[in-house]
C-alpha atoms as a PDB file:
ATOM      1  CA  PHE A   1      60.923 112.290  83.104  1.00  0.00           C
ATOM      2  CA  PHE A   2      61.358 108.754  81.945  1.00  0.00           C
ATOM      3  CA  SER A   3      62.421 106.094  84.388  1.00  0.00           C
ATOM      4  CA  SER A   4      65.870 104.656  83.804  1.00  0.00           C
ATOM      5  CA  ARG A   5      64.392 101.493  82.230  1.00  0.00           C
ATOM      6  CA  ARG A   6      62.148 103.537  79.940  1.00  0.00           C
ATOM      7  CA  ARG A   7      65.121 105.695  78.947  1.00  0.00           C
ATOM      8  CA  HIS A   8      67.066 102.536  78.085  1.00  0.00           C
ATOM      9  CA  THR A   9      64.185 101.196  75.983  1.00  0.00           C
ATOM     10  CA  ARG A  10      63.720 104.540  74.265  1.00  0.00           C
ATOM     11  CA  LEU A  11      67.428 104.906  73.494  1.00  0.00           C
ATOM     12  CA  GLN A  12      67.678 101.355  72.277  1.00  0.00           C
ATOM     13  CA  GLY A  13      64.720 101.837  69.959  1.00  0.00           C
ATOM     14  CA  ASP A  14      65.909 105.211  68.705  1.00  0.00           C
ATOM     15  CA  TRP A  15      69.560 104.390  68.185  1.00  0.00           C
ATOM     16  CA  SER A  16      70.445 100.710  68.202  1.00  0.00           C
ATOM     17  CA  SER A  17      69.716 100.115  64.521  1.00  0.00           C
ATOM     18  CA  ASP A  18      71.803 103.129  63.506  1.00  0.00           C
ATOM     19  CA  VAL A  19      74.520 103.063  66.139  1.00  0.00           C
ATOM     20  CA  CYS A  20      75.786  99.592  65.345  1.00  0.00           C
ATOM     21  CA  SER A  21      76.505 100.657  61.812  1.00  0.00           C
ATOM     22  CA  SER A  22      79.772 102.352  60.994  1.00  0.00           C
ATOM     23  CA  ASP A  23      77.876 104.313  58.313  1.00  0.00           C
ATOM     24  CA  LEU A  24      75.929 106.702  60.483  1.00  0.00           C
ATOM     25  CA  SER A  25      73.680 109.133  58.752  1.00  0.00           C
ATOM     26  CA  ALA A  26      74.449 112.779  59.445  1.00  0.00           C
ATOM     27  CA  ARG A  27      71.132 113.038  61.298  1.00  0.00           C
ATOM     28  CA  ALA A  28      71.926 110.061  63.527  1.00  0.00           C
ATOM     29  CA  ARG A  29      75.405 111.436  64.255  1.00  0.00           C
ATOM     30  CA  ARG A  30      74.002 114.850  65.227  1.00  0.00           C
ATOM     31  CA  GLY A  31      71.528 113.105  67.509  1.00  0.00           C
ATOM     32  CA  LEU A  32      74.274 111.096  69.194  1.00  0.00           C
ATOM     33  CA  ASP A  33      76.402 114.196  69.628  1.00  0.00           C
ATOM     34  CA  ARG A  34      73.479 116.028  71.256  1.00  0.00           C
ATOM     35  CA  LEU A  35      72.746 113.051  73.491  1.00  0.00           C
ATOM     36  CA  VAL A  36      76.235 112.696  74.952  1.00  0.00           C
ATOM     37  CA  ALA A  37      76.859 116.454  75.097  1.00  0.00           C
ATOM     38  CA  GLY A  38      73.501 117.122  76.772  1.00  0.00           C
ATOM     39  CA  PRO A  39      72.301 116.539  80.331  1.00  0.00           C
ATOM     40  CA  LEU A  40      74.153 113.245  80.698  1.00  0.00           C
ATOM     41  CA  GLU A  41      73.607 113.159  84.447  1.00  0.00           C
ATOM     42  CA  ARG A  42      70.015 112.140  83.704  1.00  0.00           C
ATOM     43  CA  TRP A  43      70.719 109.807  80.797  1.00  0.00           C
ATOM     44  CA  ALA A  44      74.004 108.144  81.831  1.00  0.00           C
ATOM     45  CA  PRO A  45      72.559 104.828  83.119  1.00  0.00           C
ATOM     46  CA  ALA A  46      70.456 104.386  79.993  1.00  0.00           C
ATOM     47  CA  VAL A  47      73.313 105.351  77.651  1.00  0.00           C
ATOM     48  CA  VAL A  48      75.653 102.885  79.358  1.00  0.00           C
ATOM     49  CA  ALA A  49      73.024 100.114  79.287  1.00  0.00           C
ATOM     50  CA  VAL A  50      72.446 100.600  75.553  1.00  0.00           C
ATOM     51  CA  ILE A  51      76.184 100.604  74.832  1.00  0.00           C
ATOM     52  CA  VAL A  52      76.657  97.391  76.809  1.00  0.00           C
ATOM     53  CA  ASP A  53      73.761  95.784  74.888  1.00  0.00           C
ATOM     54  CA  THR A  54      74.680  97.152  71.454  1.00  0.00           C
ATOM     55  CA  PRO A  55      78.185  98.645  71.294  1.00  0.00           C
ATOM     56  CA  GLY A  56      78.983 100.672  68.234  1.00  0.00           C
ATOM     57  CA  ALA A  57      78.822 104.295  67.223  1.00  0.00           C
ATOM     58  CA  LEU A  58      77.176 105.414  70.482  1.00  0.00           C
ATOM     59  CA  ARG A  59      80.224 104.149  72.405  1.00  0.00           C
ATOM     60  CA  ASP A  60      82.550 105.837  69.930  1.00  0.00           C
ATOM     61  CA  CYS A  61      80.607 109.091  70.176  1.00  0.00           C
ATOM     62  CA  LEU A  62      80.694 108.930  73.954  1.00  0.00           C
ATOM     63  CA  ALA A  63      84.467 108.350  73.871  1.00  0.00           C
ATOM     64  CA  GLU A  64      84.934 111.383  71.636  1.00  0.00           C
ATOM     65  CA  HIS A  65      83.071 113.632  74.096  1.00  0.00           C
ATOM     66  CA  VAL A  66      84.693 112.521  77.383  1.00  0.00           C
ATOM     67  CA  ASP A  67      87.324 115.274  77.317  1.00  0.00           C
ATOM     68  CA  GLN A  68      84.648 117.984  76.970  1.00  0.00           C
ATOM     69  CA  MET A  69      82.383 116.683  79.760  1.00  0.00           C
ATOM     70  CA  ASP A  70      81.997 118.515  83.034  1.00  0.00           C
ATOM     71  CA  GLY A  71      82.387 116.974  86.473  1.00  0.00           C
ATOM     72  CA  PRO A  72      78.730 116.034  87.059  1.00  0.00           C
ATOM     73  CA  ALA A  73      78.499 114.280  83.677  1.00  0.00           C
ATOM     74  CA  LEU A  74      81.736 112.384  84.329  1.00  0.00           C
ATOM     75  CA  GLN A  75      80.539 111.356  87.794  1.00  0.00           C
ATOM     76  CA  ALA A  76      77.188 110.207  86.396  1.00  0.00           C
ATOM     77  CA  LEU A  77      78.928 108.108  83.759  1.00  0.00           C
ATOM     78  CA  ASP A  78      81.356 106.673  86.286  1.00  0.00           C
ATOM     79  CA  ALA A  79      78.482 105.671  88.554  1.00  0.00           C
ATOM     80  CA  ALA A  80      76.648 104.060  85.628  1.00  0.00           C
ATOM     81  CA  PHE A  81      79.573 101.970  84.355  1.00  0.00           C
ATOM     82  CA  PRO A  82      79.655  98.346  85.466  1.00  0.00           C
ATOM     83  CA  LEU A  83      82.834  97.445  87.364  1.00  0.00           C
ATOM     84  CA  GLN A  84      83.847  95.069  84.600  1.00  0.00           C
ATOM     85  CA  THR A  85      82.899  95.982  81.062  1.00  0.00           C
ATOM     86  CA  LEU A  86      84.503  94.912  77.824  1.00  0.00           C
ATOM     87  CA  ALA A  87      82.296  97.203  75.768  1.00  0.00           C
ATOM     88  CA  LEU A  88      83.273 100.306  77.720  1.00  0.00           C
ATOM     89  CA  ASP A  89      86.654  99.566  79.281  1.00  0.00           C
ATOM     90  CA  ALA A  90      88.607 102.256  77.411  1.00  0.00           C
ATOM     91  CA  VAL A  91      85.900 104.882  77.953  1.00  0.00           C
ATOM     92  CA  ALA A  92      85.596 103.971  81.650  1.00  0.00           C
ATOM     93  CA  LEU A  93      89.368 104.304  82.029  1.00  0.00           C
ATOM     94  CA  ARG A  94      89.367 107.731  80.363  1.00  0.00           C
ATOM     95  CA  VAL A  95      86.515 108.893  82.616  1.00  0.00           C
ATOM     96  CA  ALA A  96      88.420 107.652  85.692  1.00  0.00           C
ATOM     97  CA  GLN A  97      91.549 109.500  84.563  1.00  0.00           C
ATOM     98  CA  ARG A  98      89.576 112.711  84.027  1.00  0.00           C
ATOM     99  CA  LEU A  99      88.021 112.396  87.492  1.00  0.00           C
ATOM    100  CA  VAL A 100      91.473 111.980  89.091  1.00  0.00           C
ATOM    101  CA  ASP A 101      92.695 115.055  87.210  1.00  0.00           C
ATOM    102  CA  ALA A 102      89.656 117.041  88.382  1.00  0.00           C
ATOM    103  CA  ALA A 103      90.163 115.874  91.976  1.00  0.00           C
ATOM    104  CA  ARG A 104      93.829 116.936  91.854  1.00  0.00           C
ATOM    105  CA  GLU A 105      92.802 120.366  90.561  1.00  0.00           C
ATOM    106  CA  ALA A 106      90.164 120.718  93.298  1.00  0.00           C
ATOM    107  CA  LEU A 107      92.730 119.767  95.934  1.00  0.00           C
ATOM    108  CA  ALA A 108      95.219 122.300  94.581  1.00  0.00           C
ATOM    109  CA  ALA A 109      92.526 124.986  94.512  1.00  0.00           C
ATOM    110  CA  ALA A 110      91.660 124.188  98.135  1.00  0.00           C
ATOM    111  CA  GLY A 111      95.260 124.739  99.131  1.00  0.00           C
ATOM    112  CA  GLY A 112      95.874 121.108 100.064  1.00  0.00           C
ATOM    113  CA  ASP A 113      94.209 121.327 103.498  1.00  0.00           C
ATOM    114  CA  ASP A 114      90.687 120.224 102.614  1.00  0.00           C
ATOM    115  CA  LEU A 115      89.890 116.738 103.991  1.00  0.00           C
ATOM    116  CA  GLU A 116      86.985 116.341 101.590  1.00  0.00           C
ATOM    117  CA  ALA A 117      89.201 117.143  98.601  1.00  0.00           C
ATOM    118  CA  HIS A 118      91.767 114.593  99.806  1.00  0.00           C
ATOM    119  CA  ALA A 119      89.024 111.985 100.257  1.00  0.00           C
ATOM    120  CA  GLN A 120      87.684 112.715  96.778  1.00  0.00           C
ATOM    121  CA  LEU A 121      91.147 112.259  95.258  1.00  0.00           C
ATOM    122  CA  ALA A 122      91.691 109.020  97.170  1.00  0.00           C
ATOM    123  CA  GLY A 123      88.355 107.631  95.982  1.00  0.00           C
ATOM    124  CA  CYS A 124      89.107 108.606  92.399  1.00  0.00           C
ATOM    125  CA  CYS A 125      92.519 106.911  92.648  1.00  0.00           C
ATOM    126  CA  VAL A 126      90.850 103.710  93.889  1.00  0.00           C
ATOM    127  CA  ASN A 127      88.522 103.753  90.897  1.00  0.00           C
ATOM    128  CA  LEU A 128      91.384 104.510  88.507  1.00  0.00           C
ATOM    129  CA  GLY A 129      93.327 101.567  89.929  1.00  0.00           C
ATOM    130  CA  ILE A 130      90.367  99.266  89.309  1.00  0.00           C
ATOM    131  CA  ARG A 131      89.979 100.509  85.726  1.00  0.00           C
ATOM    132  CA  LEU A 132      93.709 100.208  85.012  1.00  0.00           C
ATOM    133  CA  ALA A 133      93.781  96.658  86.366  1.00  0.00           C
ATOM    134  CA  ALA A 134      90.819  95.767  84.159  1.00  0.00           C
ATOM    135  CA  MET A 135      92.810  97.003  81.152  1.00  0.00           C
ATOM    136  CA  GLY A 136      95.806  94.880  82.160  1.00  0.00           C
ATOM    137  CA  GLN A 137      97.938  97.857  83.213  1.00  0.00           C
ATOM    138  CA  ARG A 138      99.035  96.287  86.488  1.00  0.00           C
ATOM    139  CA  GLU A 139     101.919  98.624  87.419  1.00  0.00           C
ATOM    140  CA  ALA A 140      99.863 101.746  86.819  1.00  0.00           C
ATOM    141  CA  ALA A 141      96.987 100.183  88.766  1.00  0.00           C
ATOM    142  CA  LEU A 142      99.328  99.468  91.660  1.00  0.00           C
ATOM    143  CA  ALA A 143     100.618 103.055  91.643  1.00  0.00           C
ATOM    144  CA  ALA A 144      97.083 104.510  91.694  1.00  0.00           C
ATOM    145  CA  THR A 145      96.016 102.164  94.493  1.00  0.00           C
ATOM    146  CA  GLU A 146      99.161 102.913  96.525  1.00  0.00           C
ATOM    147  CA  GLU A 147      98.450 106.630  96.170  1.00  0.00           C
ATOM    148  CA  SER A 148      94.916 106.123  97.480  1.00  0.00           C
ATOM    149  CA  VAL A 149      96.231 104.140 100.467  1.00  0.00           C
ATOM    150  CA  GLN A 150      98.769 106.870 101.291  1.00  0.00           C
ATOM    151  CA  ILE A 151      96.033 109.499 101.217  1.00  0.00           C
ATOM    152  CA  TYR A 152      93.663 107.378 103.310  1.00  0.00           C
ATOM    153  CA  ARG A 153      96.427 106.804 105.895  1.00  0.00           C
ATOM    154  CA  ARG A 154      96.785 110.565 106.308  1.00  0.00           C
ATOM    155  CA  LEU A 155      93.007 110.943 106.510  1.00  0.00           C
ATOM    156  CA  VAL A 156      92.775 108.209 109.172  1.00  0.00           C
ATOM    157  CA  ASP A 157      95.216 110.218 111.288  1.00  0.00           C
ATOM    158  CA  SER A 158      92.742 113.132 111.184  1.00  0.00           C
ATOM    159  CA  LYS A 159      89.413 111.282 111.375  1.00  0.00           C
ATOM    160  CA  PRO A 160      89.792 107.536 111.988  1.00  0.00           C
ATOM    161  CA  GLU A 161      86.076 106.910 112.496  1.00  0.00           C
ATOM    162  CA  VAL A 162      85.332 108.285 109.039  1.00  0.00           C
ATOM    163  CA  PHE A 163      88.196 106.882 106.947  1.00  0.00           C
ATOM    164  CA  GLU A 164      89.284 103.558 108.485  1.00  0.00           C
ATOM    165  CA  ALA A 165      86.883 101.546 106.308  1.00  0.00           C
ATOM    166  CA  ASP A 166      88.173 103.276 103.170  1.00  0.00           C
ATOM    167  CA  LEU A 167      91.753 102.545 104.198  1.00  0.00           C
ATOM    168  CA  ALA A 168      90.862  98.885 104.777  1.00  0.00           C
ATOM    169  CA  THR A 169      89.288  98.713 101.306  1.00  0.00           C
ATOM    170  CA  GLY A 170      92.387 100.288  99.771  1.00  0.00           C
ATOM    171  CA  LEU A 171      94.673  97.839 101.546  1.00  0.00           C
ATOM    172  CA  ASN A 172      92.468  94.998 100.344  1.00  0.00           C
ATOM    173  CA  ASN A 173      92.756  96.297  96.787  1.00  0.00           C
ATOM    174  CA  LEU A 174      96.552  96.356  97.160  1.00  0.00           C
ATOM    175  CA  GLY A 175      96.435  92.707  98.165  1.00  0.00           C
ATOM    176  CA  ASN A 176      94.504  91.816  95.046  1.00  0.00           C
END
């Protein structure tokens, strides 16, 4: 497999001339669709790097596919996004929202007693709060961050040595 840097170079060479144009050829569009619908876990860092360097149709294609992506692809994208990104802010927000929804579903499926599912939801809420704040949605960001703090407080009651640092980070985010 290609290294992440080689993937970035390959993607940039293959797509950057076509993806910046609003007039994508049918062939280029099919290629973009296959790229973002394929094994994105492997390609996510390179896709994000190319979009940051040359936003255009690749970003739009990625945005169109977010709702059909599975959990591992969403997590790979989320991990690849920079914390602050003008080129990808709306896509990063949608990915964060999807991850919160998936974490809520996992928690419900676990019956509400699974510490790991609670921790996953809290972490997703932290990330959603960051993405909402970046988009200027301060009240929604506050609500997401408050939810994460409430969850971490309950988790600290169960396992303080594991979750105190996460609670401190959440409280810090509330202060910002």
